[in-house]
């Protein structure tokens, strides 16, 4: 078995610490976008749980939205949930606040605790796939395992 990159290993360690029996795998093909990931894995784009980081305007806190790969996040829906406006986070902010690069942000293992929202559309699948720290690393899990791992609030993100 090949050794995981340091970022992917951090995600594996976070999953292990949560008591989840899930396995991070690194693939030769890019999983940077939901479409890339679905192609590399052999699943539908909708089964990709993409982790998107937003920046809360007033508090400057990061917010994690885990969305089905086919869905776009309606920022005003998230802002209403938070009671504050949000905006997209740039690459430096994402790396600093999560410890991971855009295209590899996982749902767990961040350098700080993130308020998290889960796209209700992910709940319809038996298995979903999430990024695992790099644009080439993923792991398979169930929606219930994602809920357990993140303690996220399930909402309609559209």
C-alpha atoms as a PDB file:
ATOM      1  CA  UNK A   1       0.000   0.000   0.000  1.00  0.00           C
ATOM      2  CA  UNK A   2       1.438   3.360  -0.977  1.00  0.00           C
ATOM      3  CA  UNK A   3       1.896   6.100   1.537  1.00  0.00           C
ATOM      4  CA  UNK A   4      -0.579   9.013   1.456  1.00  0.00           C
ATOM      5  CA  UNK A   5       0.585  12.579   0.914  1.00  0.00           C
ATOM      6  CA  UNK A   6       0.735  14.636   4.123  1.00  0.00           C
ATOM      7  CA  UNK A   7      -2.565  16.461   3.435  1.00  0.00           C
ATOM      8  CA  UNK A   8      -4.404  13.246   2.583  1.00  0.00           C
ATOM      9  CA  UNK A   9      -2.931  11.590   5.687  1.00  0.00           C
ATOM     10  CA  UNK A  10      -4.277  14.454   7.840  1.00  0.00           C
ATOM     11  CA  UNK A  11      -7.757  13.682   6.497  1.00  0.00           C
ATOM     12  CA  UNK A  12      -7.296   9.943   7.135  1.00  0.00           C
ATOM     13  CA  UNK A  13      -6.171  10.739  10.684  1.00  0.00           C
ATOM     14  CA  UNK A  14      -9.237  12.977  11.223  1.00  0.00           C
ATOM     15  CA  UNK A  15     -11.555  10.202   9.988  1.00  0.00           C
ATOM     16  CA  UNK A  16      -9.829   7.673  12.253  1.00  0.00           C
ATOM     17  CA  UNK A  17     -10.116  10.031  15.236  1.00  0.00           C
ATOM     18  CA  UNK A  18     -13.858  10.333  14.568  1.00  0.00           C
ATOM     19  CA  UNK A  19     -14.104   6.534  14.717  1.00  0.00           C
ATOM     20  CA  UNK A  20     -15.132   6.261  11.074  1.00  0.00           C
ATOM     21  CA  UNK A  21     -13.865   3.243   9.169  1.00  0.00           C
ATOM     22  CA  UNK A  22     -13.289   5.099   5.894  1.00  0.00           C
ATOM     23  CA  UNK A  23     -10.307   4.952   3.566  1.00  0.00           C
ATOM     24  CA  UNK A  24      -8.669   7.877   1.805  1.00  0.00           C
ATOM     25  CA  UNK A  25      -7.371   7.001  -1.655  1.00  0.00           C
ATOM     26  CA  UNK A  26      -5.173   9.032  -3.968  1.00  0.00           C
ATOM     27  CA  UNK A  27      -5.934   8.791  -7.657  1.00  0.00           C
ATOM     28  CA  UNK A  28      -3.742   9.486 -10.678  1.00  0.00           C
ATOM     29  CA  UNK A  29      -6.458  11.686 -12.228  1.00  0.00           C
ATOM     30  CA  UNK A  30      -7.474  15.078 -10.870  1.00  0.00           C
ATOM     31  CA  UNK A  31     -10.486  15.343  -8.600  1.00  0.00           C
ATOM     32  CA  UNK A  32     -10.278  19.159  -8.400  1.00  0.00           C
ATOM     33  CA  UNK A  33     -13.782  19.725  -9.800  1.00  0.00           C
ATOM     34  CA  UNK A  34     -16.918  17.679  -9.189  1.00  0.00           C
ATOM     35  CA  UNK A  35     -16.940  16.611 -12.845  1.00  0.00           C
ATOM     36  CA  UNK A  36     -13.263  15.587 -12.681  1.00  0.00           C
ATOM     37  CA  UNK A  37     -13.879  13.634  -9.481  1.00  0.00           C
ATOM     38  CA  UNK A  38     -16.923  11.811 -10.846  1.00  0.00           C
ATOM     39  CA  UNK A  39     -14.988  10.821 -13.963  1.00  0.00           C
ATOM     40  CA  UNK A  40     -11.970   9.615 -11.953  1.00  0.00           C
ATOM     41  CA  UNK A  41     -14.128   7.651  -9.484  1.00  0.00           C
ATOM     42  CA  UNK A  42     -16.800   6.356 -11.850  1.00  0.00           C
ATOM     43  CA  UNK A  43     -19.832   7.824 -10.088  1.00  0.00           C
ATOM     44  CA  UNK A  44     -22.343  10.541 -10.955  1.00  0.00           C
ATOM     45  CA  UNK A  45     -21.462  14.202 -10.457  1.00  0.00           C
ATOM     46  CA  UNK A  46     -24.401  14.448  -8.028  1.00  0.00           C
ATOM     47  CA  UNK A  47     -22.658  11.913  -5.714  1.00  0.00           C
ATOM     48  CA  UNK A  48     -19.671  14.230  -5.249  1.00  0.00           C
ATOM     49  CA  UNK A  49     -19.847  16.062  -1.926  1.00  0.00           C
ATOM     50  CA  UNK A  50     -17.991  19.251  -2.807  1.00  0.00           C
ATOM     51  CA  UNK A  51     -16.696  21.321   0.109  1.00  0.00           C
ATOM     52  CA  UNK A  52     -17.000  25.051  -0.507  1.00  0.00           C
ATOM     53  CA  UNK A  53     -15.665  27.697   1.847  1.00  0.00           C
ATOM     54  CA  UNK A  54     -17.386  31.047   2.217  1.00  0.00           C
ATOM     55  CA  UNK A  55     -16.319  34.070   4.235  1.00  0.00           C
ATOM     56  CA  UNK A  56     -18.770  35.776   6.591  1.00  0.00           C
ATOM     57  CA  UNK A  57     -18.468  39.516   5.996  1.00  0.00           C
ATOM     58  CA  UNK A  58     -18.794  40.998   9.505  1.00  0.00           C
ATOM     59  CA  UNK A  59     -17.127  38.295  11.606  1.00  0.00           C
ATOM     60  CA  UNK A  60     -14.632  37.143   8.919  1.00  0.00           C
ATOM     61  CA  UNK A  61     -15.408  33.540   9.953  1.00  0.00           C
ATOM     62  CA  UNK A  62     -15.221  30.698   7.462  1.00  0.00           C
ATOM     63  CA  UNK A  63     -18.343  28.686   6.665  1.00  0.00           C
ATOM     64  CA  UNK A  64     -18.277  25.268   5.030  1.00  0.00           C
ATOM     65  CA  UNK A  65     -21.046  24.294   2.637  1.00  0.00           C
ATOM     66  CA  UNK A  66     -20.970  20.678   1.473  1.00  0.00           C
ATOM     67  CA  UNK A  67     -22.974  20.538  -1.735  1.00  0.00           C
ATOM     68  CA  UNK A  68     -23.953  17.885  -4.234  1.00  0.00           C
ATOM     69  CA  UNK A  69     -21.659  18.215  -7.239  1.00  0.00           C
ATOM     70  CA  UNK A  70     -24.535  19.232  -9.512  1.00  0.00           C
ATOM     71  CA  UNK A  71     -25.827  22.025  -7.278  1.00  0.00           C
ATOM     72  CA  UNK A  72     -24.848  25.653  -7.007  1.00  0.00           C
ATOM     73  CA  UNK A  73     -24.923  27.323  -3.610  1.00  0.00           C
ATOM     74  CA  UNK A  74     -27.365  30.201  -3.268  1.00  0.00           C
ATOM     75  CA  UNK A  75     -25.299  32.552  -1.106  1.00  0.00           C
ATOM     76  CA  UNK A  76     -28.385  34.424   0.099  1.00  0.00           C
ATOM     77  CA  UNK A  77     -29.794  31.138   1.487  1.00  0.00           C
ATOM     78  CA  UNK A  78     -26.638  30.629   3.556  1.00  0.00           C
ATOM     79  CA  UNK A  79     -26.581  34.298   4.588  1.00  0.00           C
ATOM     80  CA  UNK A  80     -30.165  33.977   5.834  1.00  0.00           C
ATOM     81  CA  UNK A  81     -29.186  30.920   7.891  1.00  0.00           C
ATOM     82  CA  UNK A  82     -26.293  32.868   9.435  1.00  0.00           C
ATOM     83  CA  UNK A  83     -27.981  36.244   9.748  1.00  0.00           C
ATOM     84  CA  UNK A  84     -24.967  37.812   7.995  1.00  0.00           C
ATOM     85  CA  UNK A  85     -23.824  38.370   4.428  1.00  0.00           C
ATOM     86  CA  UNK A  86     -21.256  35.984   3.006  1.00  0.00           C
ATOM     87  CA  UNK A  87     -18.927  35.999   0.048  1.00  0.00           C
ATOM     88  CA  UNK A  88     -16.616  33.621  -1.725  1.00  0.00           C
ATOM     89  CA  UNK A  89     -13.310  32.990  -0.017  1.00  0.00           C
ATOM     90  CA  UNK A  90     -10.082  33.385  -1.976  1.00  0.00           C
ATOM     91  CA  UNK A  91      -7.407  30.685  -2.150  1.00  0.00           C
ATOM     92  CA  UNK A  92      -5.190  32.223   0.567  1.00  0.00           C
ATOM     93  CA  UNK A  93      -8.108  32.552   2.982  1.00  0.00           C
ATOM     94  CA  UNK A  94      -9.207  28.939   2.317  1.00  0.00           C
ATOM     95  CA  UNK A  95      -5.711  27.561   2.912  1.00  0.00           C
ATOM     96  CA  UNK A  96      -5.161  29.659   6.042  1.00  0.00           C
ATOM     97  CA  UNK A  97      -8.524  28.845   7.650  1.00  0.00           C
ATOM     98  CA  UNK A  98      -8.845  25.166   6.643  1.00  0.00           C
ATOM     99  CA  UNK A  99      -5.260  24.028   6.094  1.00  0.00           C
ATOM    100  CA  UNK A 100      -6.135  22.740   2.615  1.00  0.00           C
ATOM    101  CA  UNK A 101      -6.030  24.003  -0.971  1.00  0.00           C
ATOM    102  CA  UNK A 102      -9.100  24.740  -3.077  1.00  0.00           C
ATOM    103  CA  UNK A 103      -9.942  21.596  -5.020  1.00  0.00           C
ATOM    104  CA  UNK A 104      -8.924  19.379  -2.121  1.00  0.00           C
ATOM    105  CA  UNK A 105     -10.860  20.811   0.845  1.00  0.00           C
ATOM    106  CA  UNK A 106     -12.312  17.877   2.779  1.00  0.00           C
ATOM    107  CA  UNK A 107     -15.374  17.933   5.034  1.00  0.00           C
ATOM    108  CA  UNK A 108     -13.172  17.136   8.094  1.00  0.00           C
ATOM    109  CA  UNK A 109      -9.693  17.771   9.464  1.00  0.00           C
ATOM    110  CA  UNK A 110      -9.608  21.553   9.226  1.00  0.00           C
ATOM    111  CA  UNK A 111      -7.248  23.691  11.290  1.00  0.00           C
ATOM    112  CA  UNK A 112     -10.226  25.373  12.963  1.00  0.00           C
ATOM    113  CA  UNK A 113     -13.836  24.424  13.641  1.00  0.00           C
ATOM    114  CA  UNK A 114     -16.137  25.517  10.819  1.00  0.00           C
ATOM    115  CA  UNK A 115     -19.855  26.151  10.894  1.00  0.00           C
ATOM    116  CA  UNK A 116     -21.102  23.612   8.365  1.00  0.00           C
ATOM    117  CA  UNK A 117     -24.160  23.269   6.158  1.00  0.00           C
ATOM    118  CA  UNK A 118     -24.990  20.081   4.233  1.00  0.00           C
ATOM    119  CA  UNK A 119     -26.948  20.026   1.001  1.00  0.00           C
ATOM    120  CA  UNK A 120     -30.098  17.983   1.606  1.00  0.00           C
ATOM    121  CA  UNK A 121     -29.774  16.556  -1.924  1.00  0.00           C
ATOM    122  CA  UNK A 122     -26.795  14.450  -0.780  1.00  0.00           C
ATOM    123  CA  UNK A 123     -29.052  12.431   1.543  1.00  0.00           C
ATOM    124  CA  UNK A 124     -30.692  10.554  -1.339  1.00  0.00           C
ATOM    125  CA  UNK A 125     -27.565   8.541  -2.187  1.00  0.00           C
ATOM    126  CA  UNK A 126     -26.303   5.342  -0.588  1.00  0.00           C
ATOM    127  CA  UNK A 127     -22.726   6.459  -1.167  1.00  0.00           C
ATOM    128  CA  UNK A 128     -21.097   9.791  -1.815  1.00  0.00           C
ATOM    129  CA  UNK A 129     -17.497  10.849  -2.359  1.00  0.00           C
ATOM    130  CA  UNK A 130     -15.634  13.744  -0.740  1.00  0.00           C
ATOM    131  CA  UNK A 131     -12.278  15.417  -1.282  1.00  0.00           C
ATOM    132  CA  UNK A 132      -9.525  14.260   1.044  1.00  0.00           C
ATOM    133  CA  UNK A 133      -6.977  17.045   1.301  1.00  0.00           C
ATOM    134  CA  UNK A 134      -5.527  17.259  -2.205  1.00  0.00           C
ATOM    135  CA  UNK A 135      -6.903  17.591  -5.760  1.00  0.00           C
ATOM    136  CA  UNK A 136      -6.123  13.868  -6.209  1.00  0.00           C
ATOM    137  CA  UNK A 137      -7.447  12.379  -2.940  1.00  0.00           C
ATOM    138  CA  UNK A 138     -10.994  11.257  -2.126  1.00  0.00           C
ATOM    139  CA  UNK A 139     -12.915   8.997   0.214  1.00  0.00           C
ATOM    140  CA  UNK A 140     -16.254   7.215  -0.014  1.00  0.00           C
ATOM    141  CA  UNK A 141     -18.847   7.554   2.719  1.00  0.00           C
ATOM    142  CA  UNK A 142     -22.575   7.508   3.369  1.00  0.00           C
ATOM    143  CA  UNK A 143     -24.613  10.658   3.960  1.00  0.00           C
ATOM    144  CA  UNK A 144     -25.128   9.515   7.584  1.00  0.00           C
ATOM    145  CA  UNK A 145     -21.361   9.232   8.056  1.00  0.00           C
ATOM    146  CA  UNK A 146     -20.979  12.746   6.624  1.00  0.00           C
ATOM    147  CA  UNK A 147     -23.571  14.051   9.091  1.00  0.00           C
ATOM    148  CA  UNK A 148     -21.803  12.287  11.962  1.00  0.00           C
ATOM    149  CA  UNK A 149     -18.370  13.562  10.915  1.00  0.00           C
ATOM    150  CA  UNK A 150     -19.336  17.206  10.416  1.00  0.00           C
ATOM    151  CA  UNK A 151     -22.334  17.803  12.706  1.00  0.00           C
ATOM    152  CA  UNK A 152     -23.538  19.974   9.839  1.00  0.00           C
ATOM    153  CA  UNK A 153     -26.996  21.455   9.490  1.00  0.00           C
ATOM    154  CA  UNK A 154     -28.953  19.905   6.621  1.00  0.00           C
ATOM    155  CA  UNK A 155     -30.594  22.547   4.439  1.00  0.00           C
ATOM    156  CA  UNK A 156     -31.675  23.278   0.887  1.00  0.00           C
ATOM    157  CA  UNK A 157     -28.696  25.214  -0.495  1.00  0.00           C
ATOM    158  CA  UNK A 158     -30.389  26.437  -3.655  1.00  0.00           C
END
